Amino acid sequence: MMKAITSNDYRARIDRVLTYLADHLDTDLSVAELARIAHFSPYHFHRMIRAMTGESVAALVRGLRLETAGRALRERDGSVTDVALAAGDSSPEAFTRAFQQAFGAAPSAYRRAVVAPRYIPSLSLDLMLDRATMRLSLEPFGSTDMDVTIEIFPDRLAACLRHVGPYDHLSPTFERFVALGGERRAARV
């Protein structure tokens, strides 16, 4: 079992890499460069990323790029080809295959869907979930029985904490989020 201080240090190092990834997804990223940012050897870094996120470095980068591409499809006009190239794919066909596998829908169907399907991260073997149960249905595209009211609220400060890894390891992230809220409340008093 890893000591708490070591675990916190490793988590901070991996968080630093995830922040770097979010800001540099459009560049070529090497394991050696990411390991340097985390102050790990490349071998140890790869092991720690897999242990903390449930994914290899390549799968993590690929997933983050696909999430970004999904947002781009929903929020911006432009061709699927432009989004594919921005996501680092060599061809629209390769992008479409990867996107279909990750979201359960082709990019064009995803863009048209009323409720966008959720990104389906690759799952570690110990989780053993059926990927199909994680997809949101694209049907029906235009009709719903819900009574929807759209309200516009003034801008307000919001907080979030990204969880990377299997769902059943969410508790520590949630506890960190709650602790941050408590510290913030105590600072205001």
N, C-alpha and C. Protein backbone atom coordinates (compact mmCIF):
# COMPACT_ATOMS: atom_id res chain seq x y z
N MET A 1 0.84 -1.19 0.00
CA MET A 1 0.00 0.00 0.00
C MET A 1 0.89 1.25 0.00
N MET A 2 0.56 2.20 -0.81
CA MET A 2 1.34 3.43 -0.94
C MET A 2 1.01 4.38 0.21
N LYS A 3 2.04 5.02 0.76
CA LYS A 3 1.83 6.00 1.82
C LYS A 3 1.01 7.16 1.28
N ALA A 4 0.23 7.78 2.17
CA ALA A 4 -0.65 8.89 1.76
C ALA A 4 0.14 10.05 1.17
N ILE A 5 1.29 10.37 1.76
CA ILE A 5 2.08 11.51 1.26
C ILE A 5 2.61 11.21 -0.15
N THR A 6 3.02 9.96 -0.39
CA THR A 6 3.50 9.56 -1.71
C THR A 6 2.35 9.57 -2.70
N SER A 7 1.20 9.06 -2.29
CA SER A 7 0.02 9.05 -3.15
C SER A 7 -0.37 10.47 -3.54
N ASN A 8 -0.38 11.38 -2.59
CA ASN A 8 -0.72 12.78 -2.89
C ASN A 8 0.29 13.41 -3.83
N ASP A 9 1.57 13.11 -3.62
CA ASP A 9 2.62 13.63 -4.50
C ASP A 9 2.44 13.10 -5.92
N TYR A 10 2.21 11.81 -6.04
CA TYR A 10 2.01 11.21 -7.37
C TYR A 10 0.77 11.80 -8.04
N ARG A 11 -0.30 11.97 -7.27
CA ARG A 11 -1.53 12.54 -7.84
C ARG A 11 -1.27 13.95 -8.34
N ALA A 12 -0.53 14.74 -7.58
CA ALA A 12 -0.20 16.11 -8.00
C ALA A 12 0.64 16.10 -9.27
N ARG A 13 1.57 15.17 -9.37
CA ARG A 13 2.39 15.07 -10.58
C ARG A 13 1.54 14.70 -11.79
N ILE A 14 0.65 13.73 -11.61
CA ILE A 14 -0.21 13.31 -12.72
C ILE A 14 -1.19 14.43 -13.08
N ASP A 15 -1.70 15.15 -12.08
CA ASP A 15 -2.58 16.29 -12.35
C ASP A 15 -1.86 17.35 -13.18
N ARG A 16 -0.58 17.56 -12.87
CA ARG A 16 0.22 18.53 -13.63
C ARG A 16 0.31 18.10 -15.10
N VAL A 17 0.47 16.81 -15.34
CA VAL A 17 0.53 16.28 -16.70
C VAL A 17 -0.83 16.43 -17.39
N LEU A 18 -1.91 16.14 -16.68
CA LEU A 18 -3.25 16.26 -17.28
C LEU A 18 -3.55 17.70 -17.65
N THR A 19 -3.12 18.63 -16.83
CA THR A 19 -3.28 20.05 -17.15
C THR A 19 -2.48 20.40 -18.40
N TYR A 20 -1.25 19.91 -18.46
CA TYR A 20 -0.41 20.15 -19.63
C TYR A 20 -1.07 19.55 -20.89
N LEU A 21 -1.59 18.33 -20.77
CA LEU A 21 -2.25 17.69 -21.90
C LEU A 21 -3.42 18.53 -22.40
N ALA A 22 -4.23 19.01 -21.47
CA ALA A 22 -5.40 19.79 -21.86
C ALA A 22 -5.01 21.03 -22.66
N ASP A 23 -3.86 21.61 -22.33
CA ASP A 23 -3.40 22.82 -23.02
C ASP A 23 -2.60 22.55 -24.28
N HIS A 24 -2.18 21.30 -24.50
CA HIS A 24 -1.29 21.00 -25.62
C HIS A 24 -1.77 19.81 -26.47
N LEU A 25 -3.06 19.56 -26.51
CA LEU A 25 -3.57 18.43 -27.28
C LEU A 25 -3.32 18.54 -28.77
N ASP A 26 -3.13 19.75 -29.25
CA ASP A 26 -2.92 19.95 -30.68
C ASP A 26 -1.45 19.81 -31.09
N THR A 27 -0.58 19.41 -30.17
CA THR A 27 0.84 19.24 -30.48
C THR A 27 1.20 17.76 -30.41
N ASP A 28 2.38 17.43 -30.93
CA ASP A 28 2.89 16.07 -30.79
C ASP A 28 3.35 15.88 -29.35
N LEU A 29 2.85 14.85 -28.72
CA LEU A 29 3.16 14.60 -27.32
C LEU A 29 3.91 13.28 -27.20
N SER A 30 5.05 13.30 -26.55
CA SER A 30 5.80 12.07 -26.35
C SER A 30 5.74 11.65 -24.88
N VAL A 31 5.87 10.36 -24.65
CA VAL A 31 5.88 9.85 -23.29
C VAL A 31 7.06 10.45 -22.53
N ALA A 32 8.20 10.58 -23.19
CA ALA A 32 9.38 11.15 -22.52
C ALA A 32 9.12 12.57 -22.05
N GLU A 33 8.47 13.38 -22.89
CA GLU A 33 8.17 14.76 -22.51
C GLU A 33 7.19 14.82 -21.34
N LEU A 34 6.15 14.00 -21.39
CA LEU A 34 5.16 13.98 -20.32
C LEU A 34 5.78 13.45 -19.01
N ALA A 35 6.66 12.46 -19.14
CA ALA A 35 7.34 11.93 -17.95
C ALA A 35 8.23 12.99 -17.32
N ARG A 36 8.88 13.80 -18.15
CA ARG A 36 9.73 14.88 -17.64
C ARG A 36 8.89 15.88 -16.84
N ILE A 37 7.70 16.19 -17.33
CA ILE A 37 6.80 17.13 -16.64
C ILE A 37 6.39 16.58 -15.27
N ALA A 38 6.20 15.26 -15.21
CA ALA A 38 5.81 14.61 -13.95
C ALA A 38 7.00 14.28 -13.06
N HIS A 39 8.21 14.47 -13.56
CA HIS A 39 9.42 14.11 -12.83
C HIS A 39 9.47 12.62 -12.50
N PHE A 40 9.13 11.81 -13.51
CA PHE A 40 9.23 10.36 -13.44
C PHE A 40 10.10 9.89 -14.60
N SER A 41 10.64 8.69 -14.48
CA SER A 41 11.26 8.07 -15.65
C SER A 41 10.11 7.69 -16.60
N PRO A 42 10.38 7.61 -17.90
CA PRO A 42 9.29 7.25 -18.83
C PRO A 42 8.61 5.93 -18.46
N TYR A 43 9.39 4.93 -18.04
CA TYR A 43 8.81 3.65 -17.68
C TYR A 43 7.88 3.79 -16.48
N HIS A 44 8.37 4.43 -15.42
CA HIS A 44 7.56 4.60 -14.20
C HIS A 44 6.34 5.48 -14.48
N PHE A 45 6.53 6.52 -15.29
CA PHE A 45 5.41 7.40 -15.64
C PHE A 45 4.30 6.60 -16.32
N HIS A 46 4.68 5.77 -17.29
CA HIS A 46 3.66 4.98 -18.00
C HIS A 46 2.90 4.07 -17.03
N ARG A 47 3.63 3.46 -16.10
CA ARG A 47 2.98 2.61 -15.11
C ARG A 47 2.04 3.40 -14.22
N MET A 48 2.46 4.60 -13.80
CA MET A 48 1.63 5.42 -12.91
C MET A 48 0.39 5.94 -13.63
N ILE A 49 0.54 6.36 -14.87
CA ILE A 49 -0.64 6.81 -15.64
C ILE A 49 -1.64 5.68 -15.75
N ARG A 50 -1.17 4.49 -16.10
CA ARG A 50 -2.08 3.35 -16.23
C ARG A 50 -2.74 3.04 -14.89
N ALA A 51 -1.99 3.08 -13.81
CA ALA A 51 -2.54 2.77 -12.49
C ALA A 51 -3.57 3.82 -12.05
N MET A 52 -3.33 5.09 -12.36
CA MET A 52 -4.20 6.16 -11.87
C MET A 52 -5.37 6.46 -12.79
N THR A 53 -5.23 6.17 -14.08
CA THR A 53 -6.32 6.50 -15.01
C THR A 53 -6.98 5.26 -15.61
N GLY A 54 -6.32 4.11 -15.51
CA GLY A 54 -6.86 2.90 -16.11
C GLY A 54 -6.57 2.82 -17.60
N GLU A 55 -5.78 3.76 -18.12
CA GLU A 55 -5.48 3.79 -19.55
C GLU A 55 -3.99 3.99 -19.77
N SER A 56 -3.53 3.57 -20.95
CA SER A 56 -2.16 3.86 -21.34
C SER A 56 -2.06 5.34 -21.69
N VAL A 57 -0.84 5.85 -21.82
CA VAL A 57 -0.65 7.24 -22.19
C VAL A 57 -1.31 7.52 -23.54
N ALA A 58 -1.08 6.63 -24.50
CA ALA A 58 -1.65 6.82 -25.85
C ALA A 58 -3.18 6.84 -25.80
N ALA A 59 -3.77 5.92 -25.05
CA ALA A 59 -5.24 5.87 -24.96
C ALA A 59 -5.79 7.11 -24.25
N LEU A 60 -5.09 7.58 -23.24
CA LEU A 60 -5.52 8.79 -22.53
C LEU A 60 -5.49 10.00 -23.46
N VAL A 61 -4.39 10.18 -24.19
CA VAL A 61 -4.28 11.30 -25.13
C VAL A 61 -5.35 11.18 -26.21
N ARG A 62 -5.53 9.98 -26.71
CA ARG A 62 -6.54 9.75 -27.76
C ARG A 62 -7.93 10.10 -27.24
N GLY A 63 -8.24 9.68 -26.01
CA GLY A 63 -9.55 9.97 -25.43
C GLY A 63 -9.77 11.46 -25.23
N LEU A 64 -8.75 12.16 -24.73
CA LEU A 64 -8.87 13.61 -24.54
C LEU A 64 -9.07 14.32 -25.87
N ARG A 65 -8.36 13.86 -26.90
CA ARG A 65 -8.53 14.47 -28.22
C ARG A 65 -9.92 14.20 -28.78
N LEU A 66 -10.45 13.01 -28.54
CA LEU A 66 -11.81 12.70 -29.01
C LEU A 66 -12.85 13.51 -28.25
N GLU A 67 -12.67 13.69 -26.93
CA GLU A 67 -13.59 14.54 -26.17
C GLU A 67 -13.59 15.96 -26.71
N THR A 68 -12.41 16.48 -27.01
CA THR A 68 -12.29 17.83 -27.57
C THR A 68 -12.95 17.90 -28.93
N ALA A 69 -12.76 16.87 -29.73
CA ALA A 69 -13.39 16.82 -31.05
C ALA A 69 -14.92 16.77 -30.92
N GLY A 70 -15.41 16.03 -29.94
CA GLY A 70 -16.85 15.97 -29.72
C GLY A 70 -17.43 17.33 -29.38
N ARG A 71 -16.73 18.07 -28.51
CA ARG A 71 -17.18 19.43 -28.19
C ARG A 71 -17.13 20.31 -29.42
N ALA A 72 -16.09 20.19 -30.22
CA ALA A 72 -15.97 21.00 -31.43
C ALA A 72 -17.11 20.70 -32.40
N LEU A 73 -17.48 19.46 -32.52
CA LEU A 73 -18.59 19.11 -33.41
C LEU A 73 -19.90 19.72 -32.94
N ARG A 74 -20.11 19.77 -31.62
CA ARG A 74 -21.36 20.30 -31.08
C ARG A 74 -21.39 21.82 -31.07
N GLU A 75 -20.23 22.46 -30.88
CA GLU A 75 -20.21 23.91 -30.64
C GLU A 75 -19.82 24.75 -31.84
N ARG A 76 -19.18 24.15 -32.82
CA ARG A 76 -18.68 24.95 -33.95
C ARG A 76 -19.20 24.41 -35.27
N ASP A 77 -19.29 25.33 -36.23
CA ASP A 77 -19.57 24.92 -37.59
C ASP A 77 -18.25 24.49 -38.21
N GLY A 78 -18.33 23.82 -39.31
CA GLY A 78 -17.12 23.36 -39.98
C GLY A 78 -17.27 21.90 -40.33
N SER A 79 -16.39 21.45 -41.18
CA SER A 79 -16.51 20.08 -41.67
C SER A 79 -15.93 19.09 -40.65
N VAL A 80 -16.38 17.86 -40.79
CA VAL A 80 -15.85 16.77 -39.98
C VAL A 80 -14.36 16.60 -40.28
N THR A 81 -13.98 16.83 -41.52
CA THR A 81 -12.57 16.73 -41.90
C THR A 81 -11.73 17.72 -41.11
N ASP A 82 -12.19 18.96 -40.97
CA ASP A 82 -11.45 19.96 -40.19
C ASP A 82 -11.31 19.52 -38.74
N VAL A 83 -12.38 18.98 -38.17
CA VAL A 83 -12.34 18.52 -36.78
C VAL A 83 -11.39 17.32 -36.67
N ALA A 84 -11.42 16.43 -37.65
CA ALA A 84 -10.55 15.25 -37.63
C ALA A 84 -9.08 15.66 -37.66
N LEU A 85 -8.75 16.60 -38.53
CA LEU A 85 -7.36 17.04 -38.62
C LEU A 85 -6.93 17.77 -37.35
N ALA A 86 -7.83 18.56 -36.77
CA ALA A 86 -7.52 19.26 -35.52
C ALA A 86 -7.32 18.27 -34.37
N ALA A 87 -7.98 17.11 -34.46
CA ALA A 87 -7.86 16.08 -33.42
C ALA A 87 -6.61 15.24 -33.60
N GLY A 88 -5.84 15.53 -34.64
CA GLY A 88 -4.58 14.82 -34.83
C GLY A 88 -4.69 13.57 -35.67
N ASP A 89 -5.82 13.36 -36.32
CA ASP A 89 -5.96 12.18 -37.17
C ASP A 89 -5.40 12.44 -38.55
N SER A 90 -4.87 11.40 -39.14
CA SER A 90 -4.27 11.54 -40.46
C SER A 90 -5.32 11.54 -41.56
N SER A 91 -6.49 10.99 -41.27
CA SER A 91 -7.55 10.97 -42.29
C SER A 91 -8.92 11.04 -41.62
N PRO A 92 -9.91 11.57 -42.36
CA PRO A 92 -11.26 11.61 -41.81
C PRO A 92 -11.82 10.20 -41.55
N GLU A 93 -11.40 9.24 -42.34
CA GLU A 93 -11.89 7.86 -42.16
C GLU A 93 -11.41 7.29 -40.82
N ALA A 94 -10.12 7.50 -40.51
CA ALA A 94 -9.58 7.02 -39.23
C ALA A 94 -10.28 7.70 -38.07
N PHE A 95 -10.51 9.01 -38.20
CA PHE A 95 -11.21 9.77 -37.16
C PHE A 95 -12.62 9.23 -36.97
N THR A 96 -13.33 9.00 -38.08
CA THR A 96 -14.71 8.52 -37.99
C THR A 96 -14.77 7.17 -37.29
N ARG A 97 -13.84 6.26 -37.61
CA ARG A 97 -13.82 4.95 -36.95
C ARG A 97 -13.57 5.10 -35.45
N ALA A 98 -12.58 5.91 -35.08
CA ALA A 98 -12.26 6.10 -33.67
C ALA A 98 -13.41 6.79 -32.94
N PHE A 99 -14.00 7.79 -33.57
CA PHE A 99 -15.11 8.53 -32.96
C PHE A 99 -16.31 7.61 -32.76
N GLN A 100 -16.61 6.80 -33.78
CA GLN A 100 -17.73 5.85 -33.70
C GLN A 100 -17.52 4.88 -32.54
N GLN A 101 -16.30 4.40 -32.39
CA GLN A 101 -16.00 3.47 -31.32
C GLN A 101 -16.11 4.14 -29.95
N ALA A 102 -15.65 5.39 -29.86
CA ALA A 102 -15.65 6.09 -28.57
C ALA A 102 -17.01 6.61 -28.16
N PHE A 103 -17.82 7.08 -29.11
CA PHE A 103 -19.10 7.70 -28.78
C PHE A 103 -20.31 6.87 -29.17
N GLY A 104 -20.10 5.81 -29.95
CA GLY A 104 -21.22 4.99 -30.38
C GLY A 104 -22.05 5.65 -31.46
N ALA A 105 -21.50 6.66 -32.13
CA ALA A 105 -22.21 7.36 -33.20
C ALA A 105 -21.19 7.96 -34.15
N ALA A 106 -21.56 8.05 -35.40
CA ALA A 106 -20.71 8.72 -36.38
C ALA A 106 -20.67 10.21 -36.05
N PRO A 107 -19.59 10.90 -36.42
CA PRO A 107 -19.48 12.33 -36.10
C PRO A 107 -20.66 13.15 -36.60
N SER A 108 -21.15 12.88 -37.79
CA SER A 108 -22.27 13.66 -38.33
C SER A 108 -23.56 13.39 -37.55
N ALA A 109 -23.79 12.14 -37.14
CA ALA A 109 -24.97 11.82 -36.33
C ALA A 109 -24.86 12.43 -34.94
N TYR A 110 -23.66 12.43 -34.41
CA TYR A 110 -23.40 13.03 -33.10
C TYR A 110 -23.72 14.53 -33.14
N ARG A 111 -23.32 15.18 -34.20
CA ARG A 111 -23.56 16.63 -34.34
C ARG A 111 -25.06 16.91 -34.40
N ARG A 112 -25.83 16.05 -35.06
CA ARG A 112 -27.28 16.27 -35.23
C ARG A 112 -28.12 15.83 -34.04
N ALA A 113 -27.56 15.00 -33.18
CA ALA A 113 -28.34 14.41 -32.08
C ALA A 113 -28.83 15.48 -31.11
N VAL A 114 -30.06 15.32 -30.66
CA VAL A 114 -30.63 16.24 -29.68
C VAL A 114 -29.87 16.11 -28.36
N VAL A 115 -29.66 14.88 -27.93
CA VAL A 115 -28.87 14.59 -26.74
C VAL A 115 -27.62 13.88 -27.22
N ALA A 116 -26.50 14.50 -27.03
CA ALA A 116 -25.24 13.94 -27.53
C ALA A 116 -24.87 12.70 -26.73
N PRO A 117 -24.43 11.65 -27.42
CA PRO A 117 -23.96 10.46 -26.70
C PRO A 117 -22.74 10.80 -25.87
N ARG A 118 -22.60 10.13 -24.76
CA ARG A 118 -21.47 10.34 -23.87
C ARG A 118 -20.24 9.64 -24.40
N TYR A 119 -19.08 10.21 -24.14
CA TYR A 119 -17.82 9.57 -24.50
C TYR A 119 -17.69 8.29 -23.69
N ILE A 120 -17.28 7.23 -24.34
CA ILE A 120 -17.12 5.94 -23.68
C ILE A 120 -15.64 5.67 -23.54
N PRO A 121 -15.06 5.93 -22.36
CA PRO A 121 -13.63 5.68 -22.21
C PRO A 121 -13.32 4.20 -22.28
N SER A 122 -12.09 3.87 -22.66
CA SER A 122 -11.71 2.47 -22.63
C SER A 122 -11.75 2.02 -21.19
N LEU A 123 -12.14 0.80 -20.99
CA LEU A 123 -12.34 0.32 -19.62
C LEU A 123 -11.24 -0.63 -19.21
N SER A 124 -10.78 -0.52 -17.97
CA SER A 124 -9.79 -1.46 -17.48
C SER A 124 -10.47 -2.81 -17.28
N LEU A 125 -9.69 -3.87 -17.34
CA LEU A 125 -10.25 -5.21 -17.26
C LEU A 125 -10.94 -5.48 -15.93
N ASP A 126 -10.48 -4.83 -14.85
CA ASP A 126 -11.09 -5.09 -13.55
C ASP A 126 -12.47 -4.48 -13.41
N LEU A 127 -12.85 -3.56 -14.30
CA LEU A 127 -14.15 -2.93 -14.22
C LEU A 127 -15.22 -3.80 -14.86
N MET A 128 -14.90 -4.41 -16.00
CA MET A 128 -15.77 -5.37 -16.67
C MET A 128 -17.21 -4.88 -16.85
N LEU A 129 -17.38 -3.72 -17.44
CA LEU A 129 -18.71 -3.22 -17.73
C LEU A 129 -19.02 -3.44 -19.20
N ASP A 130 -20.26 -3.59 -19.51
CA ASP A 130 -20.68 -3.70 -20.90
C ASP A 130 -20.71 -2.30 -21.49
N ARG A 131 -19.89 -2.04 -22.50
CA ARG A 131 -19.80 -0.71 -23.08
C ARG A 131 -21.15 -0.23 -23.61
N ALA A 132 -21.95 -1.13 -24.11
CA ALA A 132 -23.23 -0.74 -24.70
C ALA A 132 -24.15 -0.09 -23.66
N THR A 133 -24.04 -0.48 -22.40
CA THR A 133 -24.92 0.09 -21.38
C THR A 133 -24.54 1.52 -21.05
N MET A 134 -23.34 1.97 -21.46
CA MET A 134 -22.89 3.32 -21.14
C MET A 134 -23.30 4.33 -22.20
N ARG A 135 -23.79 3.88 -23.34
CA ARG A 135 -24.13 4.79 -24.43
C ARG A 135 -25.52 5.40 -24.21
N LEU A 136 -25.64 6.64 -24.57
CA LEU A 136 -26.96 7.26 -24.56
C LEU A 136 -27.58 7.06 -25.93
N SER A 137 -28.83 6.84 -25.99
CA SER A 137 -29.49 6.58 -27.25
C SER A 137 -29.56 7.83 -28.11
N LEU A 138 -29.37 7.66 -29.40
CA LEU A 138 -29.55 8.76 -30.34
C LEU A 138 -31.00 8.87 -30.77
N GLU A 139 -31.79 7.90 -30.44
CA GLU A 139 -33.18 7.89 -30.85
C GLU A 139 -34.04 8.40 -29.70
N PRO A 140 -35.10 9.11 -29.86
CA PRO A 140 -35.51 9.75 -31.11
C PRO A 140 -34.77 11.07 -31.28
N PHE A 141 -34.53 11.46 -32.50
CA PHE A 141 -33.79 12.68 -32.76
C PHE A 141 -34.60 13.94 -32.46
N GLY A 142 -35.91 13.91 -32.68
CA GLY A 142 -36.63 15.16 -32.58
C GLY A 142 -37.75 15.21 -31.57
N SER A 143 -38.17 14.09 -31.02
CA SER A 143 -39.33 14.14 -30.14
C SER A 143 -38.96 13.70 -28.73
N THR A 144 -39.67 14.26 -27.78
CA THR A 144 -39.47 13.87 -26.39
C THR A 144 -40.76 14.15 -25.62
N ASP A 145 -40.96 13.41 -24.57
CA ASP A 145 -42.15 13.60 -23.75
C ASP A 145 -41.88 14.54 -22.57
N MET A 146 -40.68 15.04 -22.47
CA MET A 146 -40.33 15.90 -21.34
C MET A 146 -40.85 17.32 -21.57
N ASP A 147 -41.23 17.96 -20.48
CA ASP A 147 -41.61 19.36 -20.52
C ASP A 147 -40.35 20.16 -20.21
N VAL A 148 -39.76 20.78 -21.22
CA VAL A 148 -38.48 21.45 -21.08
C VAL A 148 -38.68 22.95 -20.96
N THR A 149 -38.03 23.54 -19.97
CA THR A 149 -38.03 25.00 -19.81
C THR A 149 -36.59 25.46 -19.83
N ILE A 150 -36.29 26.43 -20.68
CA ILE A 150 -34.93 26.96 -20.75
C ILE A 150 -34.89 28.26 -19.97
N GLU A 151 -33.99 28.32 -19.00
CA GLU A 151 -33.83 29.51 -18.19
C GLU A 151 -32.41 30.02 -18.35
N ILE A 152 -32.25 31.32 -18.39
CA ILE A 152 -30.93 31.92 -18.49
C ILE A 152 -30.62 32.59 -17.16
N PHE A 153 -29.51 32.18 -16.57
CA PHE A 153 -29.09 32.70 -15.28
C PHE A 153 -27.89 33.62 -15.49
N PRO A 154 -27.69 34.57 -14.59
CA PRO A 154 -26.49 35.41 -14.70
C PRO A 154 -25.23 34.57 -14.48
N ASP A 155 -24.11 35.07 -15.00
CA ASP A 155 -22.85 34.37 -14.82
C ASP A 155 -22.57 34.19 -13.34
N ARG A 156 -21.98 33.06 -13.01
CA ARG A 156 -21.61 32.78 -11.63
C ARG A 156 -20.37 31.90 -11.62
N LEU A 157 -19.69 31.94 -10.52
CA LEU A 157 -18.49 31.16 -10.35
C LEU A 157 -18.88 29.70 -10.16
N ALA A 158 -18.20 28.83 -10.85
CA ALA A 158 -18.46 27.39 -10.72
C ALA A 158 -17.13 26.69 -10.48
N ALA A 159 -17.18 25.56 -9.85
CA ALA A 159 -15.98 24.79 -9.58
C ALA A 159 -16.15 23.39 -10.14
N CYS A 160 -15.05 22.82 -10.57
CA CYS A 160 -15.10 21.44 -11.03
C CYS A 160 -13.76 20.79 -10.72
N LEU A 161 -13.76 19.50 -10.67
CA LEU A 161 -12.56 18.72 -10.45
C LEU A 161 -12.66 17.52 -11.37
N ARG A 162 -11.72 17.38 -12.27
CA ARG A 162 -11.77 16.30 -13.26
C ARG A 162 -11.37 14.98 -12.62
N HIS A 163 -12.15 13.96 -12.89
CA HIS A 163 -11.82 12.60 -12.46
C HIS A 163 -11.40 11.82 -13.69
N VAL A 164 -10.23 11.23 -13.63
CA VAL A 164 -9.76 10.39 -14.72
C VAL A 164 -9.58 9.00 -14.15
N GLY A 165 -10.21 8.04 -14.76
CA GLY A 165 -10.08 6.67 -14.29
C GLY A 165 -11.43 6.01 -14.17
N PRO A 166 -11.43 4.79 -13.69
CA PRO A 166 -12.67 4.03 -13.58
C PRO A 166 -13.67 4.70 -12.62
N TYR A 167 -14.93 4.54 -12.91
CA TYR A 167 -15.99 5.14 -12.12
C TYR A 167 -15.95 4.67 -10.67
N ASP A 168 -15.58 3.41 -10.46
CA ASP A 168 -15.59 2.90 -9.09
C ASP A 168 -14.44 3.45 -8.24
N HIS A 169 -13.60 4.30 -8.83
CA HIS A 169 -12.54 4.98 -8.08
C HIS A 169 -12.84 6.47 -7.93
N LEU A 170 -14.10 6.85 -8.03
CA LEU A 170 -14.51 8.25 -7.99
C LEU A 170 -14.48 8.84 -6.58
N SER A 171 -14.62 8.02 -5.57
CA SER A 171 -14.74 8.53 -4.20
C SER A 171 -13.62 9.48 -3.77
N PRO A 172 -12.33 9.18 -4.02
CA PRO A 172 -11.29 10.12 -3.60
C PRO A 172 -11.42 11.49 -4.29
N THR A 173 -11.81 11.51 -5.55
CA THR A 173 -12.00 12.78 -6.25
C THR A 173 -13.15 13.56 -5.63
N PHE A 174 -14.24 12.87 -5.34
CA PHE A 174 -15.39 13.52 -4.72
C PHE A 174 -15.02 14.06 -3.35
N GLU A 175 -14.26 13.28 -2.59
CA GLU A 175 -13.84 13.73 -1.24
C GLU A 175 -12.95 14.97 -1.34
N ARG A 176 -12.04 15.00 -2.34
CA ARG A 176 -11.19 16.18 -2.54
C ARG A 176 -12.05 17.40 -2.87
N PHE A 177 -13.07 17.20 -3.71
CA PHE A 177 -13.95 18.29 -4.11
C PHE A 177 -14.71 18.85 -2.90
N VAL A 178 -15.25 17.97 -2.08
CA VAL A 178 -15.98 18.39 -0.88
C VAL A 178 -15.04 19.11 0.08
N ALA A 179 -13.81 18.59 0.23
CA ALA A 179 -12.84 19.22 1.13
C ALA A 179 -12.49 20.62 0.63
N LEU A 180 -12.32 20.79 -0.66
CA LEU A 180 -12.04 22.11 -1.21
C LEU A 180 -13.17 23.09 -0.93
N GLY A 181 -14.40 22.61 -1.03
CA GLY A 181 -15.56 23.46 -0.73
C GLY A 181 -15.58 23.87 0.73
N GLY A 182 -15.23 22.95 1.63
CA GLY A 182 -15.18 23.26 3.06
C GLY A 182 -14.10 24.27 3.37
N GLU A 183 -12.92 24.13 2.73
CA GLU A 183 -11.83 25.09 2.94
C GLU A 183 -12.26 26.47 2.45
N ARG A 184 -12.96 26.51 1.34
CA ARG A 184 -13.39 27.79 0.75
C ARG A 184 -14.40 28.47 1.69
N ARG A 185 -15.35 27.67 2.22
CA ARG A 185 -16.35 28.22 3.15
C ARG A 185 -15.68 28.75 4.41
N ALA A 186 -14.70 28.00 4.93
CA ALA A 186 -14.01 28.41 6.17
C ALA A 186 -13.23 29.70 5.93
N ALA A 187 -12.68 29.88 4.74
CA ALA A 187 -11.90 31.08 4.43
C ALA A 187 -12.80 32.33 4.35
N ARG A 188 -14.07 32.15 4.00
CA ARG A 188 -14.98 33.29 3.89
C ARG A 188 -15.49 33.76 5.24
N VAL A 189 -15.48 32.89 6.25
CA VAL A 189 -16.04 33.21 7.57
C VAL A 189 -15.16 34.15 8.34
